[in-house]
Amino acid sequence: MTEPAFNILVVDDELSMREFLGLMLTKEGYSVTGAETGKQANELLEKQFFDLILLDIRLGDISGLEVLRKAKKLHPKSIVIMISAYATAENAVEAMNDGAYDYLPKPFDNDELKDTIAKALKLKTLKDEKKHIETELKESLHFGLLVGNSPRMLNIYEVIEQVAPTKTNVLITGESGTGKELVARAIHDQSPRKDNPFVVINCGSIPETLVESEFFGYKKGAFTGANQDKKGLFEAADTGTLFLDEIGELNLQMQVKILRVIQERGFKPVGGNEDVCVDIRIIAATNKNLEEEVIAGRFREDLFYRINVVEIKVPALRERKGDLRALAQHFLEKYSREAGKEITKISSYAVDLLKKYDFPGNIRELENLIERSVALSTTNIILPDSLTLSIHKRRWIEGIQNRRFDLDEVAKGVSLDNILEEIEKAYLEKALECANGSKSKAAELLSISFRSFRYRCSKLGID
């Protein structure tokens, strides 16, 4: 027998049931309180917190569903398990939607009830511990504006901390949308220049005819329309950091001028005769392979070695799937605040769907996806149907369904356990979707027992 660490409230209008449950649960080590009516239950709930509530649907005065809603409003962390001899799919769905942990029909198996209670309280304890740990670790998931604690990202954080205090030029490489600018900003924010300008130049977005004047500024009268002196972006970055994004897009002529600035720490504005001296740190980024560009004659070798003193390779999102949930949650919180919505989480089914997708647009694509999902969502949770990944979702589901019939794979060697696990998981999740989240209804759709359904979900990590 364990110490009565958990308080359980039993709400049932049958005295014999209250006494039976009270005796059984007391023997299990719980502290048990009984209530005959919904009114009595509500009065108790207003006075104290119960870790778990066993609640009958039909009471003498008000519906158990009303008590459920009251309980979740007063004590969101209380676990509520509904029990009833008049169980219906509609009641089960309504109860689950209102926050019930589970729904057990009478007569129930005593061992199953005890097992359900034990698992529910264990889950509650783990969630409480997890929330505490997550609060402590939240900062470790963020490095400046960067999110993630996968091994690849932790290595990048370490390099940033090492290189930030120096004046060393840095080249950041990676596919479009991976967050190269955020890495550059993190270097600046960790450096002695953090209180000085951080100027971003997208080398591919400025028309070629305007690049030089935008970079270095111009003197009055330098060309038609130059009615006054204008400072360029290089001068604006003086004493700070200049981030040259997509530097591989610069033509060879501008590459020569950039090389001169790096070497001499100065430049001449368009139409000017005197050098403007600047103290800037240059961080460059590209989604191209600059070594191949050098070989092809499209990028100067001397400039390449000047900017590539330290290289930081930012991984694609498909290479850091362990960070996907944290990134999605980060964007969810951001856009929920902006939209004035209280969307708190992304369902495990939705996360599984996201993990099946390669995200060719990387983090930028994920961010846009979550922003759209928040805008379109009508619930406080992002479900698979809220994601605008329908075409990829269909391909994934079709792939799972067709997997059973692709017998040609056998000749190459396959993992039968993995194939069967994928199929089983797909059917379990589809049944839950069809049953609006009701486990008992989902079990009926699959012609298996509730206990079997719950075991299979637990085994495959389905919430």
Protein backbone atom coordinates (compact mmCIF):
# COMPACT_ATOMS: atom_id res chain seq x y z
CA MET A 1 0.00 0.00 0.00
CA THR A 2 1.28 3.46 -0.90
CA GLU A 3 0.95 6.69 1.05
CA PRO A 4 -2.30 8.57 0.25
CA ALA A 5 -0.47 11.07 -1.98
CA PHE A 6 -3.39 11.59 -4.37
CA ASN A 7 -6.89 12.87 -3.55
CA ILE A 8 -9.76 11.28 -5.49
CA LEU A 9 -13.35 12.53 -5.62
CA VAL A 10 -15.99 9.89 -6.41
CA VAL A 11 -19.25 11.40 -7.69
CA ASP A 12 -22.07 8.84 -8.03
CA ASP A 13 -25.71 8.90 -6.94
CA GLU A 14 -25.59 5.21 -5.95
CA LEU A 15 -24.42 4.74 -2.35
CA SER A 16 -23.27 1.17 -3.02
CA MET A 17 -21.06 2.33 -5.90
CA ARG A 18 -19.55 5.16 -3.83
CA GLU A 19 -18.82 2.78 -0.97
CA PHE A 20 -17.37 0.13 -3.27
CA LEU A 21 -15.10 2.59 -5.09
CA GLY A 22 -14.11 4.25 -1.83
CA LEU A 23 -13.07 0.93 -0.29
CA MET A 24 -11.24 -0.27 -3.41
CA LEU A 25 -9.31 2.97 -3.96
CA THR A 26 -8.48 3.41 -0.27
CA LYS A 27 -6.84 -0.04 -0.37
CA GLU A 28 -4.79 1.23 -3.31
CA GLY A 29 -3.46 4.02 -1.13
CA TYR A 30 -5.56 6.94 -2.30
CA SER A 31 -7.43 9.48 -0.19
CA VAL A 32 -11.08 9.22 -1.28
CA THR A 33 -13.98 11.66 -0.86
CA GLY A 34 -17.54 10.89 -2.00
CA ALA A 35 -20.32 13.09 -3.37
CA GLU A 36 -23.90 11.95 -4.07
CA THR A 37 -25.07 14.82 -6.27
CA GLY A 38 -23.65 17.28 -8.76
CA LYS A 39 -24.36 20.13 -6.35
CA GLN A 40 -22.34 18.44 -3.58
CA ALA A 41 -19.51 17.81 -6.03
CA ASN A 42 -19.44 21.46 -7.12
CA GLU A 43 -19.37 22.62 -3.49
CA LEU A 44 -16.40 20.35 -2.79
CA LEU A 45 -14.63 21.52 -5.93
CA GLU A 46 -14.98 25.13 -4.85
CA LYS A 47 -13.28 24.31 -1.55
CA GLN A 48 -10.41 22.04 -2.58
CA PHE A 49 -8.39 20.53 -5.39
CA PHE A 50 -8.68 16.85 -6.33
CA ASP A 51 -6.01 15.10 -8.34
CA LEU A 52 -8.59 12.84 -9.97
CA ILE A 53 -12.39 12.80 -10.21
CA LEU A 54 -14.46 9.69 -10.96
CA LEU A 55 -17.66 11.18 -12.30
CA ASP A 56 -20.94 9.50 -13.24
CA ILE A 57 -22.81 10.99 -16.21
CA ARG A 58 -26.27 10.65 -14.63
CA LEU A 59 -26.64 12.22 -11.21
CA GLY A 60 -29.69 13.02 -9.13
CA ASP A 61 -29.78 16.71 -9.92
CA ILE A 62 -27.50 17.97 -12.69
CA SER A 63 -25.62 16.25 -15.48
CA GLY A 64 -22.15 14.92 -14.82
CA LEU A 65 -21.06 16.82 -17.94
CA GLU A 66 -21.90 20.09 -16.17
CA VAL A 67 -19.79 19.01 -13.21
CA LEU A 68 -17.00 18.10 -15.63
CA ARG A 69 -17.03 21.58 -17.14
CA LYS A 70 -17.08 23.17 -13.68
CA ALA A 71 -14.18 20.98 -12.53
CA LYS A 72 -12.01 21.81 -15.58
CA LYS A 73 -12.78 25.50 -15.16
CA LEU A 74 -11.86 25.57 -11.46
CA HIS A 75 -9.01 23.05 -11.61
CA PRO A 76 -7.62 22.55 -15.14
CA LYS A 77 -5.02 20.10 -13.82
CA SER A 78 -7.58 17.75 -12.29
CA ILE A 79 -7.99 14.48 -14.17
CA VAL A 80 -11.62 13.52 -14.81
CA ILE A 81 -12.67 9.98 -15.72
CA MET A 82 -16.34 9.62 -16.71
CA ILE A 83 -18.24 6.44 -15.78
CA SER A 84 -21.78 5.54 -16.78
CA ALA A 85 -24.15 2.65 -17.32
CA TYR A 86 -25.75 4.71 -20.09
CA ALA A 87 -22.68 5.32 -22.21
CA THR A 88 -23.27 6.65 -25.71
CA ALA A 89 -20.85 7.72 -28.42
CA GLU A 90 -22.30 11.23 -28.30
CA ASN A 91 -21.76 11.53 -24.55
CA ALA A 92 -18.25 10.14 -24.88
CA VAL A 93 -17.30 12.63 -27.59
CA GLU A 94 -18.80 15.54 -25.64
CA ALA A 95 -17.00 14.49 -22.46
CA MET A 96 -13.66 14.13 -24.23
CA ASN A 97 -14.11 17.50 -25.93
CA ASP A 98 -14.83 19.07 -22.53
CA GLY A 99 -11.57 17.75 -21.13
CA ALA A 100 -12.29 14.27 -19.74
CA TYR A 101 -9.27 11.98 -19.64
CA ASP A 102 -11.28 8.81 -20.36
CA TYR A 103 -14.79 7.40 -20.50
CA LEU A 104 -15.54 3.98 -18.99
CA PRO A 105 -18.91 2.21 -19.31
CA LYS A 106 -20.49 0.38 -16.39
CA PRO A 107 -20.06 -2.37 -15.45
CA PHE A 108 -16.32 -1.85 -15.65
CA ASP A 109 -13.50 -4.25 -14.96
CA ASN A 110 -12.02 -3.40 -11.55
CA ASP A 111 -8.45 -4.05 -12.64
CA GLU A 112 -8.97 -1.95 -15.76
CA LEU A 113 -10.31 0.94 -13.67
CA LYS A 114 -7.39 0.75 -11.24
CA ASP A 115 -4.98 0.55 -14.15
CA THR A 116 -6.59 3.56 -15.84
CA ILE A 117 -6.42 5.61 -12.64
CA ALA A 118 -2.80 4.65 -11.97
CA LYS A 119 -1.73 5.51 -15.50
CA ALA A 120 -3.64 8.80 -15.45
CA LEU A 121 -2.02 9.89 -12.19
CA LYS A 122 1.39 8.76 -13.39
CA LEU A 123 0.89 10.77 -16.57
CA LYS A 124 -0.15 13.78 -14.48
CA THR A 125 3.01 13.47 -12.39
CA LEU A 126 5.17 13.15 -15.49
CA LYS A 127 3.47 16.15 -17.10
CA ASP A 128 3.99 18.25 -13.97
CA GLU A 129 7.66 17.23 -13.89
CA LYS A 130 7.98 17.78 -17.63
CA LYS A 131 6.49 21.27 -17.37
CA HIS A 132 8.93 22.11 -14.59
CA ILE A 133 11.85 20.78 -16.59
CA GLU A 134 10.66 22.54 -19.77
CA THR A 135 10.49 25.82 -17.87
CA GLU A 136 14.07 25.35 -16.76
CA LEU A 137 15.21 24.23 -20.20
CA LYS A 138 13.27 26.78 -22.23
CA GLU A 139 16.25 29.07 -22.41
CA SER A 140 18.44 26.20 -23.61
CA LEU A 141 16.11 25.73 -26.59
CA HIS A 142 16.82 29.33 -27.58
CA PHE A 143 20.13 30.91 -28.48
CA GLY A 144 19.22 34.50 -29.20
CA LEU A 145 16.55 34.22 -31.88
CA LEU A 146 17.69 30.72 -32.85
CA VAL A 147 15.51 27.80 -31.73
CA GLY A 148 16.55 24.18 -31.27
CA ASN A 149 18.86 21.96 -29.27
CA SER A 150 19.71 19.26 -31.80
CA PRO A 151 23.42 18.28 -31.92
CA ARG A 152 23.95 20.27 -35.14
CA MET A 153 22.49 23.43 -33.60
CA LEU A 154 24.35 23.03 -30.31
CA ASN A 155 27.57 22.85 -32.32
CA ILE A 156 26.63 26.08 -34.12
CA TYR A 157 25.95 27.80 -30.79
CA GLU A 158 29.41 26.77 -29.61
CA VAL A 159 31.06 28.18 -32.74
CA ILE A 160 29.09 31.43 -32.38
CA GLU A 161 30.29 31.84 -28.79
CA GLN A 162 33.89 31.25 -29.90
CA VAL A 163 33.89 33.56 -32.91
CA ALA A 164 31.60 36.37 -31.68
CA PRO A 165 34.17 38.23 -29.50
CA THR A 166 36.68 38.38 -32.38
CA LYS A 167 36.83 40.55 -35.53
CA THR A 168 37.04 37.50 -37.77
CA ASN A 169 34.99 37.50 -40.98
CA VAL A 170 32.45 34.68 -41.09
CA LEU A 171 30.81 32.88 -44.03
CA ILE A 172 27.43 31.29 -43.28
CA THR A 173 26.30 28.64 -45.75
CA GLY A 174 23.06 26.74 -46.12
CA GLU A 175 19.91 26.37 -48.16
CA SER A 176 17.41 29.20 -48.48
CA GLY A 177 15.15 29.52 -45.47
CA THR A 178 17.45 27.83 -42.96
CA GLY A 179 17.97 30.94 -40.81
CA LYS A 180 21.37 32.22 -41.94
CA GLU A 181 20.48 35.80 -41.05
CA LEU A 182 19.51 34.72 -37.52
CA VAL A 183 22.94 33.11 -37.12
CA ALA A 184 24.57 36.35 -38.28
CA ARG A 185 22.47 38.37 -35.87
CA ALA A 186 23.37 35.99 -33.02
CA ILE A 187 27.08 36.56 -33.75
CA HIS A 188 26.53 40.33 -33.69
CA ASP A 189 24.46 40.20 -30.48
CA GLN A 190 27.18 38.17 -28.73
CA SER A 191 29.97 40.48 -29.90
CA PRO A 192 31.43 43.73 -28.47
CA ARG A 193 29.63 45.48 -31.36
CA LYS A 194 26.16 44.48 -30.13
CA ASP A 195 25.14 48.08 -29.29
CA ASN A 196 26.22 49.32 -32.73
CA PRO A 197 24.50 48.94 -36.14
CA PHE A 198 23.64 45.59 -37.67
CA VAL A 199 23.07 46.32 -41.36
CA VAL A 200 21.64 43.71 -43.72
CA ILE A 201 22.25 43.83 -47.46
CA ASN A 202 20.56 41.29 -49.74
CA CYS A 203 23.00 41.26 -52.63
CA GLY A 204 20.52 39.58 -54.94
CA SER A 205 17.65 42.05 -54.43
CA ILE A 206 19.39 45.28 -55.54
CA PRO A 207 19.37 46.03 -59.29
CA GLU A 208 22.86 45.70 -60.73
CA THR A 209 22.90 49.35 -61.86
CA LEU A 210 22.25 50.56 -58.31
CA VAL A 211 24.48 48.20 -56.33
CA GLU A 212 27.53 50.47 -56.13
CA SER A 213 25.61 53.60 -55.09
CA GLU A 214 23.58 51.61 -52.53
CA PHE A 215 26.72 50.04 -51.07
CA PHE A 216 29.04 53.04 -51.04
CA GLY A 217 26.77 56.06 -51.34
CA TYR A 218 27.33 58.96 -53.71
CA LYS A 219 28.29 62.60 -53.90
CA LYS A 220 26.04 65.42 -55.06
CA GLY A 221 26.13 65.67 -58.85
CA ALA A 222 27.59 62.19 -59.35
CA PHE A 223 24.74 61.37 -61.74
CA THR A 224 21.39 62.73 -62.84
CA GLY A 225 19.12 62.98 -59.81
CA ALA A 226 21.97 63.05 -57.26
CA ASN A 227 20.89 66.37 -55.73
CA GLN A 228 22.71 65.82 -52.43
CA ASP A 229 25.28 63.59 -50.79
CA LYS A 230 23.98 60.21 -49.63
CA LYS A 231 25.65 57.71 -47.30
CA GLY A 232 25.80 54.10 -48.42
CA LEU A 233 25.06 50.97 -46.44
CA PHE A 234 28.75 50.29 -45.76
CA GLU A 235 29.09 53.66 -44.04
CA ALA A 236 25.82 53.09 -42.16
CA ALA A 237 27.38 49.94 -40.69
CA ASP A 238 30.45 51.79 -39.35
CA THR A 239 31.51 50.45 -35.89
CA GLY A 240 28.99 47.61 -36.30
CA THR A 241 28.37 44.50 -38.39
CA LEU A 242 27.57 44.32 -42.10
CA PHE A 243 25.69 41.21 -43.18
CA LEU A 244 26.08 40.49 -46.91
CA ASP A 245 23.31 38.00 -47.64
CA GLU A 246 23.55 35.97 -50.87
CA ILE A 247 27.01 37.34 -51.62
CA GLY A 248 27.31 34.82 -54.47
CA GLU A 249 24.90 36.97 -56.50
CA LEU A 250 27.39 39.85 -56.84
CA ASN A 251 29.04 40.32 -60.24
CA LEU A 252 32.84 40.18 -60.54
CA GLN A 253 33.20 43.97 -60.71
CA MET A 254 31.48 44.46 -57.36
CA GLN A 255 33.43 41.56 -55.89
CA VAL A 256 36.64 43.52 -56.59
CA LYS A 257 35.26 46.57 -54.78
CA ILE A 258 34.16 44.48 -51.78
CA LEU A 259 37.63 42.93 -51.62
CA ARG A 260 39.17 46.42 -51.52
CA VAL A 261 36.95 47.46 -48.61
CA ILE A 262 37.97 44.35 -46.66
CA GLN A 263 41.66 44.90 -47.34
CA GLU A 264 41.88 48.68 -46.92
CA ARG A 265 38.92 49.35 -44.62
CA GLY A 266 37.81 52.16 -46.88
CA PHE A 267 36.05 53.02 -50.15
CA LYS A 268 35.23 55.92 -52.44
CA PRO A 269 31.58 56.97 -52.81
CA VAL A 270 30.28 57.22 -56.37
CA GLY A 271 31.53 60.56 -57.72
CA GLY A 272 33.89 61.05 -54.77
CA ASN A 273 37.67 61.49 -54.71
CA GLU A 274 38.46 60.80 -51.05
CA ASP A 275 38.25 57.50 -49.20
CA VAL A 276 35.68 57.00 -46.46
CA CYS A 277 37.24 54.88 -43.71
CA VAL A 278 35.02 52.42 -41.86
CA ASP A 279 35.37 49.96 -39.00
CA ILE A 280 33.05 47.12 -39.89
CA ARG A 281 32.89 43.41 -39.35
CA ILE A 282 31.70 41.50 -42.39
CA ILE A 283 29.53 38.42 -42.16
CA ALA A 284 28.54 36.92 -45.51
CA ALA A 285 26.02 34.24 -46.39
CA THR A 286 25.17 32.19 -49.45
CA ASN A 287 23.05 29.27 -50.56
CA LYS A 288 25.56 28.51 -53.33
CA ASN A 289 28.68 26.37 -53.24
CA LEU A 290 31.25 29.16 -53.54
CA GLU A 291 34.11 26.73 -54.13
CA GLU A 292 32.32 25.54 -57.27
CA GLU A 293 31.63 29.17 -58.21
CA VAL A 294 35.37 29.90 -57.91
CA ILE A 295 36.23 26.95 -60.15
CA ALA A 296 33.63 28.12 -62.68
CA GLY A 297 35.15 31.64 -62.65
CA ARG A 298 32.03 33.30 -61.27
CA PHE A 299 33.49 34.16 -57.86
CA ARG A 300 36.91 35.58 -57.06
CA GLU A 301 39.17 33.19 -55.21
CA ASP A 302 40.86 35.96 -53.21
CA LEU A 303 37.51 37.29 -52.00
CA PHE A 304 36.38 33.77 -51.12
CA TYR A 305 39.33 33.28 -48.78
CA ARG A 306 38.86 36.75 -47.26
CA ILE A 307 35.25 36.13 -46.24
CA ASN A 308 35.63 32.42 -45.44
CA VAL A 309 37.92 32.70 -42.42
CA VAL A 310 35.36 30.78 -40.36
CA GLU A 311 32.51 28.90 -42.05
CA ILE A 312 29.26 28.01 -40.30
CA LYS A 313 27.09 25.48 -42.12
CA VAL A 314 23.43 25.80 -41.18
CA PRO A 315 21.59 22.46 -41.61
CA ALA A 316 18.38 22.09 -43.59
CA LEU A 317 15.25 21.46 -41.52
CA ARG A 318 15.07 17.87 -42.79
CA GLU A 319 18.51 17.34 -41.19
CA ARG A 320 17.35 18.57 -37.77
CA LYS A 321 13.88 17.04 -37.42
CA GLY A 322 14.47 16.78 -33.67
CA ASP A 323 13.99 20.57 -33.51
CA LEU A 324 10.77 20.54 -35.52
CA ARG A 325 8.37 20.40 -32.58
CA ALA A 326 10.19 23.22 -30.74
CA LEU A 327 10.27 25.36 -33.89
CA ALA A 328 6.59 24.74 -34.62
CA GLN A 329 5.66 25.57 -31.02
CA HIS A 330 7.77 28.75 -31.19
CA PHE A 331 5.94 29.94 -34.30
CA LEU A 332 2.60 28.84 -32.86
CA GLU A 333 3.09 31.02 -29.78
CA LYS A 334 4.31 33.94 -31.90
CA TYR A 335 1.39 34.00 -34.34
CA SER A 336 -1.20 33.11 -31.70
CA ARG A 337 -0.19 36.25 -29.81
CA GLU A 338 -0.30 38.35 -32.97
CA ALA A 339 -3.73 36.97 -33.94
CA GLY A 340 -5.11 37.35 -30.42
CA LYS A 341 -5.93 33.63 -30.28
CA GLU A 342 -5.36 31.10 -27.49
CA ILE A 343 -4.00 28.22 -29.54
CA THR A 344 -1.82 26.35 -27.08
CA LYS A 345 -0.39 23.29 -28.80
CA ILE A 346 0.08 21.22 -31.92
CA SER A 347 -1.39 17.72 -31.78
CA SER A 348 0.97 14.76 -31.95
CA TYR A 349 -0.78 13.66 -35.15
CA ALA A 350 -0.01 17.02 -36.74
CA VAL A 351 3.63 16.83 -35.61
CA ASP A 352 3.92 13.31 -37.05
CA LEU A 353 2.59 14.65 -40.35
CA LEU A 354 5.10 17.50 -40.34
CA LYS A 355 7.94 15.07 -39.67
CA LYS A 356 6.99 13.09 -42.77
CA TYR A 357 7.44 16.20 -44.92
CA ASP A 358 10.91 17.29 -46.12
CA PHE A 359 10.24 21.06 -46.11
CA PRO A 360 12.13 22.15 -49.22
CA GLY A 361 11.57 25.74 -48.06
CA ASN A 362 13.08 24.88 -44.67
CA ILE A 363 12.25 26.93 -41.55
CA ARG A 364 10.75 29.78 -43.60
CA GLU A 365 8.24 27.33 -45.08
CA LEU A 366 7.42 25.90 -41.63
CA GLU A 367 6.88 29.40 -40.27
CA ASN A 368 4.52 30.30 -43.12
CA LEU A 369 2.66 27.03 -42.65
CA ILE A 370 2.12 27.60 -38.92
CA GLU A 371 1.09 31.22 -39.52
CA ARG A 372 -1.58 30.09 -42.01
CA SER A 373 -2.72 27.29 -39.71
CA VAL A 374 -3.16 29.72 -36.80
CA ALA A 375 -5.11 32.11 -39.01
CA LEU A 376 -7.45 29.36 -40.21
CA SER A 377 -7.79 27.35 -36.98
CA THR A 378 -11.10 27.46 -35.13
CA THR A 379 -9.92 25.40 -32.12
CA ASN A 380 -7.27 25.83 -29.44
CA ILE A 381 -5.13 23.06 -30.92
CA ILE A 382 -3.57 22.61 -34.35
CA LEU A 383 -4.88 19.36 -35.85
CA PRO A 384 -3.69 17.67 -39.07
CA ASP A 385 -6.67 19.09 -40.96
CA SER A 386 -5.62 22.60 -39.89
CA LEU A 387 -2.35 22.21 -41.78
CA THR A 388 -2.27 23.33 -45.38
CA LEU A 389 -0.26 20.29 -46.34
CA SER A 390 -3.15 18.38 -47.85
CA ILE A 391 -1.31 17.20 -50.97
CA HIS A 392 1.64 15.95 -48.94
CA LYS A 393 -0.70 14.41 -46.36
CA ARG A 394 -2.49 12.49 -49.11
CA ARG A 395 0.80 11.26 -50.54
CA TRP A 396 1.90 10.12 -47.08
CA ILE A 397 -1.35 8.27 -46.37
CA GLU A 398 -1.36 6.75 -49.86
CA GLY A 399 2.23 5.67 -49.34
CA ILE A 400 1.30 3.88 -46.12
CA GLN A 401 -1.70 2.23 -47.75
CA ASN A 402 0.20 1.11 -50.84
CA ARG A 403 3.13 -0.12 -48.78
CA ARG A 404 1.34 -3.39 -48.09
CA PHE A 405 1.18 -4.28 -51.76
CA ASP A 406 4.70 -3.29 -52.83
CA LEU A 407 5.98 -6.85 -52.67
CA ASP A 408 8.91 -6.12 -54.98
CA GLU A 409 10.65 -4.53 -51.99
CA VAL A 410 11.05 -7.95 -50.41
CA ALA A 411 13.77 -8.89 -52.91
CA LYS A 412 15.86 -5.96 -51.65
CA GLY A 413 15.27 -6.78 -47.99
CA VAL A 414 12.69 -5.12 -45.77
CA SER A 415 11.76 -4.73 -42.11
CA LEU A 416 8.38 -6.41 -41.77
CA ASP A 417 8.00 -5.10 -38.21
CA ASN A 418 8.48 -1.50 -39.37
CA ILE A 419 6.02 -1.91 -42.26
CA LEU A 420 3.33 -3.43 -40.02
CA GLU A 421 3.93 -0.75 -37.40
CA GLU A 422 3.40 2.01 -39.98
CA ILE A 423 0.18 0.43 -41.18
CA GLU A 424 -1.11 -0.11 -37.64
CA LYS A 425 -0.33 3.47 -36.65
CA ALA A 426 -2.06 4.85 -39.76
CA TYR A 427 -5.24 2.88 -39.00
CA LEU A 428 -5.27 3.84 -35.31
CA GLU A 429 -4.87 7.54 -36.12
CA LYS A 430 -7.49 7.40 -38.88
CA ALA A 431 -9.94 5.70 -36.48
CA LEU A 432 -9.36 8.43 -33.88
CA GLU A 433 -9.93 11.06 -36.53
CA CYS A 434 -13.21 9.43 -37.64
CA ALA A 435 -14.30 9.11 -34.00
CA ASN A 436 -13.54 12.77 -33.19
CA GLY A 437 -10.96 11.69 -30.63
CA SER A 438 -13.13 9.15 -28.80
CA LYS A 439 -11.00 6.12 -27.97
CA SER A 440 -13.97 3.84 -27.29
CA LYS A 441 -15.59 4.73 -30.61
CA ALA A 442 -12.29 4.33 -32.45
CA ALA A 443 -11.91 0.86 -30.92
CA GLU A 444 -15.38 -0.06 -32.17
CA LEU A 445 -14.51 1.10 -35.69
CA LEU A 446 -11.51 -1.22 -35.69
CA SER A 447 -13.41 -4.10 -34.06
CA ILE A 448 -10.98 -4.37 -31.16
CA SER A 449 -11.46 -3.96 -27.41
CA PHE A 450 -10.97 -0.61 -25.75
CA ARG A 451 -8.08 -2.04 -23.72
CA SER A 452 -6.39 -3.35 -26.88
CA PHE A 453 -6.82 0.00 -28.60
CA ARG A 454 -5.33 1.88 -25.67
CA TYR A 455 -2.40 -0.54 -25.44
CA ARG A 456 -1.65 -0.21 -29.16
CA CYS A 457 -1.76 3.60 -28.97
CA SER A 458 0.59 3.58 -25.99
CA LYS A 459 2.97 1.22 -27.76
CA LEU A 460 3.14 3.43 -30.85
CA GLY A 461 3.35 6.72 -28.97
CA ILE A 462 -0.08 8.04 -29.99
CA ASP A 463 -1.52 10.50 -27.47
